[in-house]
Each structure stands twice: as C-alpha cells, then as structure tokens.
Amino acid sequence: MATPPTTQQRIPSQENLLLDYVHRLESHKEDRRAVHIHLSALKAQNRREHHVRLAANTFDPLIKMLEGQLFTLNNSDLFFIYKGDAQNDVETSMLKLRFLFSDDPLMAGTDEGDNTKFRTYYEIEQDYETILALVRKLVHEESSEKTSDEETADPKAALQAKQGKGEPLTPRVLGRVEQALQRADLSNMVRRQFICALIGQAAPQPLFSELFISIADLRETLMPGVNVGASPWLFQHLTETLDRRMLSMLSKTSDNSITGEISINLNVSTLLSPEFMQFDDAVIASMRGSVVIELQKIDIFSDINAFLFAREFAKDRGYRICIDGLTYDTITFINREKLGADMVKLIWDQELVDTVGKIKTSDIVSEMGSSRLILCRCDDDSAVKFGQSVGISMFQGRHIENLIAEENRRREIEMAKRRSQTLDFID
C-alpha cells in the first residue's frame, strides 16, 4: 500500500516558491538582477547532492546580508535574485563556483564573456517577462515530474488530505521550515500597521508603526496545509526564529520606510539573544527611545522572572515596553505599573459593549492610563466610537489604515488643486 502524502511532502517546491517570489517582484523590479546557474548541465558525478549544497553555500554571505534570495531547483540548477549593488559580490561567488567545477567539460572554453553555458544573467526590469516565462516552465516541468512520481499514491489518502483542515505543525515540519527560513528573503512578508492618535473627527496622527512578518503569507508560501496554531509551543519556537530574522533585517536595513518610530513584537527569550544584542549595537543610542518592544501576555507569565530580567535590560537600554494580547477578561488581572510596562494593548471585542459596558471599560482605561492604552484590531468605525467614548485615544487596526489612506488621498487632491490654481495664476 502506498504511503499517504505527508505534511513534509506538501511543502511547496522551490520552483513554486521562486514563481511566488517573481510575482512579488513585479512592483519592485528596479535595480534587481538575477543569475541562473545551470548546474543541471554538469556531468552527473559533479552534481551530486553535496556538490549542489556546496554551490548553494557559496551565496550564504550575501543571503545573511539580505542582499538576495537563493532557490535550489529540482533539476539542481540555482536561481539567485539579488540587489544590483551586490553585482561584484555575485561575480566573486561565480568565480568560486567556476573553480569548484573546473574539471567539468562544461567549463572548457567558458570565460567571463560567456552568458549561456554555465550561467545566465538577467536584469529584472528589462527581462521580467522572460524570467516569468522561464520560471513558469520550470514549475510545469517540476509539477509534471512530481505527478508522474505520485501516480501510484493512494487516492483515498489524497482525498482525505485535501479535505482536512490542516495538518498540525510537527517538529519535523518545523525543522524544515526553519532551515528554509535561513535562506528566505522575508522582506516581502514584512507588514506595517500604524498606531494612531485619534481624537474626535480629526485626521489620525501616526505615533509609531508596528512591524511584523505576516504569518498568513509565511504559511501560504512555506507551509500550505499546515495548521501552525495546533501546537502553541512549536508555534512559539517558530516565532522566536522569526524574531531573529526580523532583528537581522532591521540591523542591516537602510530602508527609511521601516525605520524611525517603530514597534516590534518579540519573545522574552529573544530580548536576551545575540541577535538582539546585534540589533541594539546597530541602533543609535538616542533612537532607542523611539523603539517599542511588544511582548505577549502568555510569554510574560510563562516565566515571570525571565520577563523581569529582560524588561530591566531593555528599559536600561532606553526601549519602551508594551504588553500585547490583552482581552477584556484578562486585562483586569494586569497591573501595568508593577510590570513596568509603558503601554498595553487591548483587543477590540463587541463584548466590551455588550457585556463589560462603558462604566467598567472606563474604569479599566483609567487604571491603565488613558495615554497608555491602545485599542487594537479595530476593523470598523464602531470600535473607534466606543473607544473614544471611554477615554481611549490610541487605536490600531484595518479601519485606522483605511482612515490614513483616505486622509492621504484627500491631501493629494488638495495639493493637486493648489498646483492647478498656481499654474492658472501664473498663466
């Protein structure tokens, strides 16, 4: 009897990950390049698994510096997409590969002017459609081969897997995912959501923005069919890995759109990790006060002594602390001042209106401090109206993002009118 498909087998192929990445690049093509390394053209004895792994490892320094993303394809080819300013480093890597496979007939007569035998360079902006067609072809070829291999699979098991609600996250799957994360370019999965001051009918005023890696995008890309929340402890381990990757990105980035007044959601253990120390070294001392560290309540109370130690370290360095994940039935058990938190986040729930009521909620706001409490996950206007009615002035959520977008459009229209009026006056 054929073995049923496992969760491990359903992790998407590198070809599919590459196609998804190319689609994401469509709006970020400027100054991006790619190189397709044709290891499949090498002699069989020169493209064994350890050869391909050594070739892939050549790009590790660039990946760790967040300069590019590597895909190891089913046919042993490598596809590396990178920033244009890393061209010299990429060419250095190519020289290492040429040396590694120097005894292969493919290298005979291959020189720096050759762009077809061993590697093909692409300019993403100019060659985007060519790359897209190539990658689609690679996906089709990989899919056809996989289908052929699986023709004998148990159809009943396949149907059950398809109808299931998601396999639980297992240590084996987590290990594979974490290995993939070491080389994954997660910059396209970083999301930003503003925490804004909102008083009356005034336009929202951004105070700082929360940066986070989208678990939904990560699941879709690396773990389709996996229920990441099935095991809270394995999920916690996954978030610690994501914490380290986020800190690594922030330590090296020069992108102004993800710096400045920010908050980052971390685990207590991450605050004491070497990655956080590196992040701290990269942050100018005067800027630490503009960084808010958000900690989940469940993480805090699972080891309160570790939290107190980590909190003291972070506060001494100048960072602000926010307790995240509080609900209407847990916030009453929190003493913000004794925990040494600068802010708390209360998750919006209709039960605040229907069960808790304005009076009790107002008491909660007063106890926490009206300038210390953020009402988050505000997806509609009713959340804001109720929050304002009980003294809350800081909000976060989809509705707030929509208000910001509307205000930006209004300002753009107003500026366009002013420019038009100025031109009319000059004429």
Protein backbone atom coordinates (compact mmCIF):
# COMPACT_ATOMS: atom_id res chain seq x y z
CA MET A 1 0.00 0.00 0.00
CA ALA A 2 1.35 3.41 -0.93
CA THR A 3 2.36 5.70 1.89
CA PRO A 4 -0.07 8.65 2.28
CA PRO A 5 1.34 12.05 1.40
CA THR A 6 2.89 13.67 4.44
CA THR A 7 2.89 17.29 5.52
CA GLN A 8 6.60 17.36 4.73
CA GLN A 9 5.92 16.35 1.13
CA ARG A 10 3.29 19.04 0.74
CA ILE A 11 5.70 21.87 1.48
CA PRO A 12 5.86 23.78 -1.82
CA SER A 13 8.71 23.15 -4.21
CA GLN A 14 11.50 25.63 -4.75
CA GLU A 15 10.08 26.21 -8.24
CA ASN A 16 6.75 27.32 -6.77
CA LEU A 17 8.48 29.48 -4.18
CA LEU A 18 10.51 31.07 -6.98
CA LEU A 19 7.37 31.76 -9.02
CA ASP A 20 5.70 33.35 -6.00
CA TYR A 21 8.82 35.46 -5.40
CA VAL A 22 8.94 36.61 -9.04
CA HIS A 23 5.28 37.64 -8.85
CA ARG A 24 6.04 39.66 -5.72
CA LEU A 25 8.94 41.33 -7.53
CA GLU A 26 6.65 42.77 -10.19
CA SER A 27 6.31 46.05 -8.29
CA HIS A 28 9.93 46.01 -7.04
CA LYS A 29 11.89 45.39 -10.24
CA GLU A 30 14.12 48.46 -10.15
CA ASP A 31 17.81 47.68 -9.63
CA ARG A 32 17.17 43.96 -9.16
CA ARG A 33 19.10 41.29 -11.02
CA ALA A 34 19.12 37.53 -11.30
CA VAL A 35 21.54 34.81 -12.27
CA HIS A 36 20.50 31.33 -13.40
CA ILE A 37 23.31 28.85 -12.71
CA HIS A 38 22.96 25.78 -14.93
CA LEU A 39 24.28 23.05 -12.64
CA SER A 40 21.99 20.64 -14.48
CA ALA A 41 24.37 20.88 -17.44
CA LEU A 42 27.25 19.46 -15.39
CA LYS A 43 28.24 15.81 -15.58
CA ALA A 44 26.22 13.59 -13.23
CA GLN A 45 29.22 12.93 -10.99
CA ASN A 46 29.65 16.69 -10.49
CA ARG A 47 26.09 17.45 -9.43
CA ARG A 48 25.53 15.06 -6.59
CA GLU A 49 23.66 16.38 -3.57
CA HIS A 50 26.79 17.52 -1.72
CA HIS A 51 28.02 19.38 -4.83
CA VAL A 52 24.75 21.29 -5.11
CA ARG A 53 24.83 22.04 -1.39
CA LEU A 54 28.39 23.39 -1.62
CA ALA A 55 27.39 25.55 -4.60
CA ALA A 56 24.38 26.92 -2.71
CA ASN A 57 26.52 27.67 0.36
CA THR A 58 28.64 29.99 -1.79
CA PHE A 59 25.81 32.52 -1.62
CA ASP A 60 25.34 32.33 2.16
CA PRO A 61 27.27 35.56 2.92
CA LEU A 62 25.05 37.53 0.52
CA ILE A 63 21.89 35.94 1.92
CA LYS A 64 22.90 36.73 5.51
CA MET A 65 23.50 40.35 4.45
CA LEU A 66 19.96 40.37 2.99
CA GLU A 67 21.34 41.10 -0.46
CA GLY A 68 19.44 38.35 -2.24
CA GLN A 69 17.36 35.18 -2.27
CA LEU A 70 18.51 31.76 -3.49
CA PHE A 71 16.38 28.95 -4.93
CA THR A 72 17.75 25.44 -5.41
CA LEU A 73 15.66 23.86 -8.16
CA ASN A 74 14.62 20.26 -8.63
CA ASN A 75 16.98 19.82 -11.60
CA SER A 76 19.95 21.02 -9.45
CA ASP A 77 20.04 24.49 -11.03
CA LEU A 78 20.43 27.53 -8.78
CA PHE A 79 18.46 30.74 -9.27
CA PHE A 80 19.71 33.77 -7.33
CA ILE A 81 17.81 37.07 -7.30
CA TYR A 82 19.72 39.97 -5.81
CA LYS A 83 20.13 43.72 -5.48
CA GLY A 84 22.11 45.43 -8.21
CA ASP A 85 24.74 46.85 -5.89
CA ALA A 86 25.77 43.28 -4.97
CA GLN A 87 26.92 42.53 -8.54
CA ASN A 88 30.63 42.40 -7.67
CA ASP A 89 29.97 40.00 -4.78
CA VAL A 90 27.85 37.81 -7.06
CA GLU A 91 30.62 37.67 -9.64
CA THR A 92 33.03 36.69 -6.87
CA SER A 93 30.68 33.83 -5.98
CA MET A 94 30.60 32.82 -9.64
CA LEU A 95 34.40 32.63 -9.68
CA LYS A 96 34.26 30.29 -6.68
CA LEU A 97 31.76 28.09 -8.50
CA ARG A 98 33.89 28.02 -11.65
CA PHE A 99 36.82 26.89 -9.50
CA LEU A 100 34.65 24.30 -7.72
CA PHE A 101 33.62 22.71 -11.03
CA SER A 102 36.76 23.49 -13.01
CA ASP A 103 37.28 19.85 -14.02
CA ASP A 104 33.86 19.58 -15.69
CA PRO A 105 33.70 19.68 -19.51
CA LEU A 106 31.10 22.44 -19.22
CA MET A 107 33.85 24.79 -18.08
CA ALA A 108 36.03 24.16 -21.11
CA GLY A 109 36.25 27.43 -23.02
CA THR A 110 33.96 29.22 -20.55
CA ASP A 111 35.17 32.73 -19.87
CA GLU A 112 33.77 35.95 -18.47
CA GLY A 113 32.08 36.82 -21.74
CA ASP A 114 30.05 33.59 -21.84
CA ASN A 115 26.49 34.11 -20.66
CA THR A 116 24.87 30.81 -21.59
CA LYS A 117 26.89 27.69 -20.79
CA PHE A 118 27.24 27.91 -17.04
CA ARG A 119 25.20 30.94 -16.00
CA THR A 120 22.74 33.43 -17.42
CA TYR A 121 22.39 36.93 -16.03
CA TYR A 122 19.14 38.88 -16.13
CA GLU A 123 18.14 42.47 -15.48
CA ILE A 124 14.79 42.08 -13.71
CA GLU A 125 13.32 45.35 -15.02
CA GLN A 126 14.22 44.64 -18.66
CA ASP A 127 13.86 40.85 -18.66
CA TYR A 128 10.90 40.41 -16.31
CA GLU A 129 8.60 38.72 -18.85
CA THR A 130 11.42 36.41 -19.97
CA ILE A 131 12.13 35.41 -16.37
CA LEU A 132 8.43 34.88 -15.65
CA ALA A 133 8.04 32.61 -18.67
CA LEU A 134 11.17 30.66 -17.72
CA VAL A 135 10.04 30.15 -14.13
CA ARG A 136 6.57 29.08 -15.22
CA LYS A 137 8.21 26.49 -17.47
CA LEU A 138 10.34 25.26 -14.56
CA VAL A 139 7.24 24.95 -12.38
CA HIS A 140 5.44 23.00 -15.10
CA GLU A 141 8.37 20.63 -15.55
CA GLU A 142 8.73 20.05 -11.81
CA SER A 143 4.99 19.54 -11.41
CA SER A 144 4.86 17.05 -14.28
CA GLU A 145 7.70 15.04 -12.77
CA LYS A 146 6.08 15.09 -9.34
CA THR A 147 2.72 14.00 -10.78
CA SER A 148 4.41 11.08 -12.51
CA ASP A 149 6.04 10.03 -9.24
CA GLU A 150 2.75 10.21 -7.35
CA GLU A 151 0.52 8.36 -9.80
CA THR A 152 0.61 5.28 -7.58
CA ALA A 153 -0.33 7.18 -4.41
CA ASP A 154 -3.43 6.05 -2.52
CA PRO A 155 -6.31 8.18 -3.93
CA LYS A 156 -8.33 7.81 -0.73
CA ALA A 157 -5.49 9.18 1.38
CA ALA A 158 -5.00 12.06 -1.06
CA LEU A 159 -8.69 12.93 -0.84
CA GLN A 160 -8.63 12.85 2.95
CA ALA A 161 -5.60 15.14 2.99
CA LYS A 162 -7.32 17.57 0.65
CA GLN A 163 -10.49 17.63 2.72
CA GLY A 164 -8.65 18.04 6.01
CA LYS A 165 -8.45 21.34 7.85
CA GLY A 166 -4.68 21.32 8.01
CA GLU A 167 -2.01 19.06 9.41
CA PRO A 168 -0.62 20.01 12.81
CA LEU A 169 2.76 21.71 12.95
CA THR A 170 5.21 18.94 13.86
CA PRO A 171 8.86 19.16 14.96
CA ARG A 172 9.93 17.63 11.65
CA VAL A 173 7.99 20.18 9.57
CA LEU A 174 9.19 22.99 11.84
CA GLY A 175 12.79 21.89 11.29
CA ARG A 176 12.37 22.02 7.53
CA VAL A 177 10.66 25.40 7.69
CA GLU A 178 13.34 26.88 9.92
CA GLN A 179 16.01 25.60 7.54
CA ALA A 180 14.19 27.30 4.66
CA LEU A 181 13.90 30.49 6.69
CA GLN A 182 17.68 30.72 6.97
CA ARG A 183 17.84 31.46 3.23
CA ALA A 184 14.45 33.07 2.71
CA ASP A 185 14.16 36.74 1.85
CA LEU A 186 11.37 37.75 4.22
CA SER A 187 11.38 41.44 3.30
CA ASN A 188 8.32 40.92 1.08
CA MET A 189 6.44 39.46 4.04
CA VAL A 190 7.10 42.36 6.41
CA ARG A 191 3.91 44.29 7.11
CA ARG A 192 3.44 47.63 8.84
CA GLN A 193 0.43 48.85 10.76
CA PHE A 194 0.23 52.26 12.40
CA ILE A 195 -0.76 53.07 15.96
CA CYS A 196 -2.51 56.43 15.70
CA ALA A 197 -3.87 59.13 17.95
CA LEU A 198 -7.50 59.68 17.00
CA ILE A 199 -9.44 62.41 18.77
CA GLY A 200 -12.96 63.32 17.68
CA GLN A 201 -13.29 63.75 13.94
CA ALA A 202 -9.68 64.87 13.48
CA ALA A 203 -7.47 63.04 10.99
CA PRO A 204 -5.48 60.13 12.52
CA GLN A 205 -2.00 61.13 13.64
CA PRO A 206 0.53 58.26 13.41
CA LEU A 207 2.52 57.80 16.60
CA PHE A 208 4.55 54.75 15.62
CA SER A 209 4.17 51.72 13.37
CA GLU A 210 4.24 48.05 14.28
CA LEU A 211 6.43 45.92 12.02
CA PHE A 212 5.67 42.23 11.78
CA ILE A 213 6.17 39.25 9.49
CA SER A 214 2.85 38.12 8.08
CA ILE A 215 2.18 34.61 9.40
CA ALA A 216 -0.53 34.21 6.74
CA ASP A 217 1.95 34.93 3.92
CA LEU A 218 4.56 32.73 5.56
CA ARG A 219 2.08 29.86 5.87
CA GLU A 220 0.94 30.28 2.28
CA THR A 221 4.50 30.31 0.99
CA LEU A 222 6.25 27.71 3.16
CA MET A 223 3.53 25.72 4.96
CA PRO A 224 0.32 25.40 2.94
CA GLY A 225 -1.95 22.81 4.52
CA VAL A 226 -0.28 23.14 7.93
CA ASN A 227 -2.19 24.31 10.98
CA VAL A 228 0.51 26.47 12.57
CA GLY A 229 -1.54 27.06 15.70
CA ALA A 230 -2.14 23.39 16.50
CA SER A 231 0.84 23.30 18.86
CA PRO A 232 1.29 26.53 20.86
CA TRP A 233 4.80 25.57 21.94
CA LEU A 234 6.03 24.75 18.42
CA PHE A 235 4.42 27.95 17.18
CA GLN A 236 6.25 29.81 19.95
CA HIS A 237 9.51 28.31 18.70
CA LEU A 238 8.66 29.41 15.15
CA THR A 239 8.01 32.98 16.30
CA GLU A 240 11.40 33.04 18.03
CA THR A 241 13.02 32.18 14.70
CA LEU A 242 11.02 34.95 13.01
CA ASP A 243 12.06 37.35 15.78
CA ARG A 244 15.71 36.73 14.98
CA ARG A 245 15.16 37.22 11.25
CA MET A 246 13.27 40.47 11.86
CA LEU A 247 16.05 41.79 14.09
CA SER A 248 18.63 40.80 11.49
CA MET A 249 16.73 42.72 8.79
CA LEU A 250 16.32 45.80 10.97
CA SER A 251 20.01 45.73 11.92
CA LYS A 252 21.10 45.89 8.29
CA THR A 253 18.36 47.85 6.54
CA SER A 254 18.76 51.37 5.22
CA ASP A 255 15.11 51.50 4.14
CA ASN A 256 13.60 54.57 5.77
CA SER A 257 10.10 53.12 5.43
CA ILE A 258 10.81 50.50 8.11
CA THR A 259 12.88 52.57 10.50
CA GLY A 260 12.11 55.51 12.76
CA GLU A 261 9.29 55.27 15.33
CA ILE A 262 8.54 51.54 15.31
CA SER A 263 7.37 48.68 17.48
CA ILE A 264 8.44 45.06 17.11
CA ASN A 265 6.74 42.01 18.61
CA LEU A 266 9.35 39.84 20.31
CA ASN A 267 9.55 36.86 22.64
CA VAL A 268 11.09 37.36 26.09
CA SER A 269 13.87 34.91 25.20
CA THR A 270 14.73 36.93 22.08
CA LEU A 271 15.42 40.01 24.21
CA LEU A 272 18.40 38.18 25.70
CA SER A 273 19.64 36.65 22.44
CA PRO A 274 22.81 37.53 20.46
CA GLU A 275 20.56 38.76 17.62
CA PHE A 276 19.03 41.39 19.89
CA MET A 277 22.49 42.45 21.05
CA GLN A 278 23.49 42.96 17.41
CA PHE A 279 20.31 44.92 16.79
CA ASP A 280 20.99 47.03 19.87
CA ASP A 281 24.54 47.76 18.65
CA ALA A 282 23.12 48.92 15.30
CA VAL A 283 20.61 51.33 16.89
CA ILE A 284 21.87 54.81 17.70
CA ALA A 285 21.53 55.34 21.46
CA SER A 286 19.32 58.41 21.01
CA MET A 287 16.93 56.39 18.82
CA ARG A 288 16.26 53.57 21.31
CA GLY A 289 13.51 55.59 22.94
CA SER A 290 11.62 55.52 19.63
CA VAL A 291 11.55 51.71 19.57
CA VAL A 292 8.68 49.94 21.37
CA ILE A 293 9.09 46.25 22.21
CA GLU A 294 5.80 44.37 22.32
CA LEU A 295 5.61 41.24 24.49
CA GLN A 296 2.72 38.78 24.58
CA LYS A 297 1.00 38.22 27.94
CA ILE A 298 1.26 34.43 27.67
CA ASP A 299 5.02 34.72 27.12
CA ILE A 300 5.39 37.06 30.10
CA PHE A 301 3.56 34.88 32.61
CA SER A 302 5.04 31.58 31.42
CA ASP A 303 8.29 32.72 33.10
CA ILE A 304 7.78 35.93 35.05
CA ASN A 305 11.36 36.01 36.37
CA ALA A 306 12.79 35.85 32.84
CA PHE A 307 10.44 38.67 31.84
CA LEU A 308 11.51 40.87 34.77
CA PHE A 309 15.18 40.35 33.93
CA ALA A 310 14.63 41.01 30.20
CA ARG A 311 12.45 44.04 30.94
CA GLU A 312 15.13 45.62 33.15
CA PHE A 313 17.73 45.10 30.45
CA ALA A 314 15.51 46.64 27.73
CA LYS A 315 14.43 49.57 29.91
CA ASP A 316 18.04 50.29 30.91
CA ARG A 317 18.93 50.46 27.21
CA GLY A 318 16.14 53.01 26.63
CA TYR A 319 13.48 50.86 24.93
CA ARG A 320 9.78 51.13 25.76
CA ILE A 321 7.74 48.06 26.71
CA CYS A 322 4.18 47.26 25.59
CA ILE A 323 2.14 44.27 26.80
CA ASP A 324 0.23 42.86 23.83
CA GLY A 325 -2.63 40.37 23.50
CA LEU A 326 -4.86 41.54 26.37
CA THR A 327 -8.58 40.86 26.18
CA TYR A 328 -11.48 42.28 28.16
CA ASP A 329 -11.40 39.28 30.53
CA THR A 330 -7.61 39.28 31.13
CA ILE A 331 -6.73 42.97 31.32
CA THR A 332 -8.24 43.28 34.80
CA PHE A 333 -5.56 40.89 36.11
CA ILE A 334 -2.74 43.11 34.80
CA ASN A 335 -1.00 45.76 36.89
CA ARG A 336 0.79 47.78 34.22
CA GLU A 337 2.87 49.84 36.65
CA LYS A 338 4.10 46.87 38.69
CA LEU A 339 5.05 45.04 35.49
CA GLY A 340 6.99 48.13 34.41
CA ALA A 341 5.20 48.41 31.05
CA ASP A 342 4.90 51.73 29.27
CA MET A 343 1.80 50.70 27.32
CA VAL A 344 -0.77 47.92 26.99
CA LYS A 345 -2.83 46.75 24.02
CA LEU A 346 -6.47 45.81 24.48
CA ILE A 347 -8.01 43.71 21.70
CA TRP A 348 -11.31 45.15 20.48
CA ASP A 349 -14.30 42.87 21.03
CA GLN A 350 -18.02 43.57 20.79
CA GLU A 351 -18.27 42.10 24.29
CA LEU A 352 -16.79 45.34 25.59
CA VAL A 353 -20.10 46.95 24.62
CA ASP A 354 -22.49 44.06 25.23
CA THR A 355 -21.06 42.60 28.46
CA VAL A 356 -18.44 44.83 30.08
CA GLY A 357 -20.14 48.14 29.34
CA LYS A 358 -18.94 51.72 29.26
CA ILE A 359 -18.56 52.21 33.01
CA LYS A 360 -16.36 49.18 33.65
CA THR A 361 -14.35 49.80 30.48
CA SER A 362 -13.84 53.43 31.53
CA ASP A 363 -12.52 52.17 34.87
CA ILE A 364 -10.08 49.88 33.06
CA VAL A 365 -8.86 52.78 30.90
CA SER A 366 -8.39 54.98 33.98
CA GLU A 367 -6.49 52.25 35.82
CA MET A 368 -4.17 51.60 32.89
CA GLY A 369 -3.86 55.30 31.97
CA SER A 370 -5.73 56.79 29.03
CA SER A 371 -2.44 57.70 27.36
CA ARG A 372 -1.05 54.21 27.95
CA LEU A 373 -3.79 52.03 26.43
CA ILE A 374 -4.07 51.13 22.74
CA LEU A 375 -7.27 49.63 21.37
CA CYS A 376 -6.14 47.25 18.61
CA ARG A 377 -7.79 45.16 15.88
CA CYS A 378 -10.23 47.95 15.16
CA ASP A 379 -11.79 46.74 11.91
CA ASP A 380 -14.74 49.14 11.79
CA ASP A 381 -15.92 52.52 13.00
CA SER A 382 -17.87 51.08 15.94
CA ALA A 383 -14.63 50.13 17.69
CA VAL A 384 -13.29 53.67 17.43
CA LYS A 385 -16.55 55.28 18.57
CA PHE A 386 -16.77 53.08 21.64
CA GLY A 387 -13.08 53.54 22.42
CA GLN A 388 -13.37 57.31 22.25
CA SER A 389 -16.48 57.21 24.47
CA VAL A 390 -14.50 55.54 27.29
CA GLY A 391 -11.44 57.79 27.03
CA ILE A 392 -9.20 55.84 24.65
CA SER A 393 -7.25 57.98 22.17
CA MET A 394 -4.81 55.48 20.60
CA PHE A 395 -6.04 52.98 18.04
CA GLN A 396 -4.72 50.33 15.64
CA GLY A 397 -6.36 48.15 13.01
CA ARG A 398 -7.67 47.91 9.47
CA HIS A 399 -10.15 50.73 9.96
CA ILE A 400 -7.34 53.03 11.06
CA GLU A 401 -5.30 52.07 7.98
CA ASN A 402 -8.33 52.94 5.81
CA LEU A 403 -8.65 56.35 7.53
CA ILE A 404 -4.96 57.03 6.89
CA ALA A 405 -5.36 56.10 3.21
CA GLU A 406 -8.42 58.35 2.89
CA GLU A 407 -6.57 61.24 4.51
CA ASN A 408 -3.60 60.76 2.16
CA ARG A 409 -5.94 60.78 -0.86
CA ARG A 410 -7.62 63.92 0.43
CA ARG A 411 -4.27 65.66 0.81
CA GLU A 412 -3.17 64.58 -2.67
CA ILE A 413 -6.36 66.02 -4.17
CA GLU A 414 -5.89 69.23 -2.20
CA MET A 415 -2.27 69.56 -3.37
CA ALA A 416 -3.30 68.92 -6.97
CA LYS A 417 -5.91 71.68 -6.72
CA ARG A 418 -3.36 74.10 -5.28
CA ARG A 419 -0.87 73.32 -8.05
CA SER A 420 -3.59 73.84 -10.63
CA GLN A 421 -4.58 77.18 -9.09
CA THR A 422 -0.93 78.26 -9.01
CA LEU A 423 -0.49 77.44 -12.70
CA ASP A 424 -3.71 79.30 -13.56
CA PHE A 425 -2.45 82.34 -11.65
CA ILE A 426 0.92 82.25 -13.47
CA ASP A 427 -0.83 81.99 -16.87
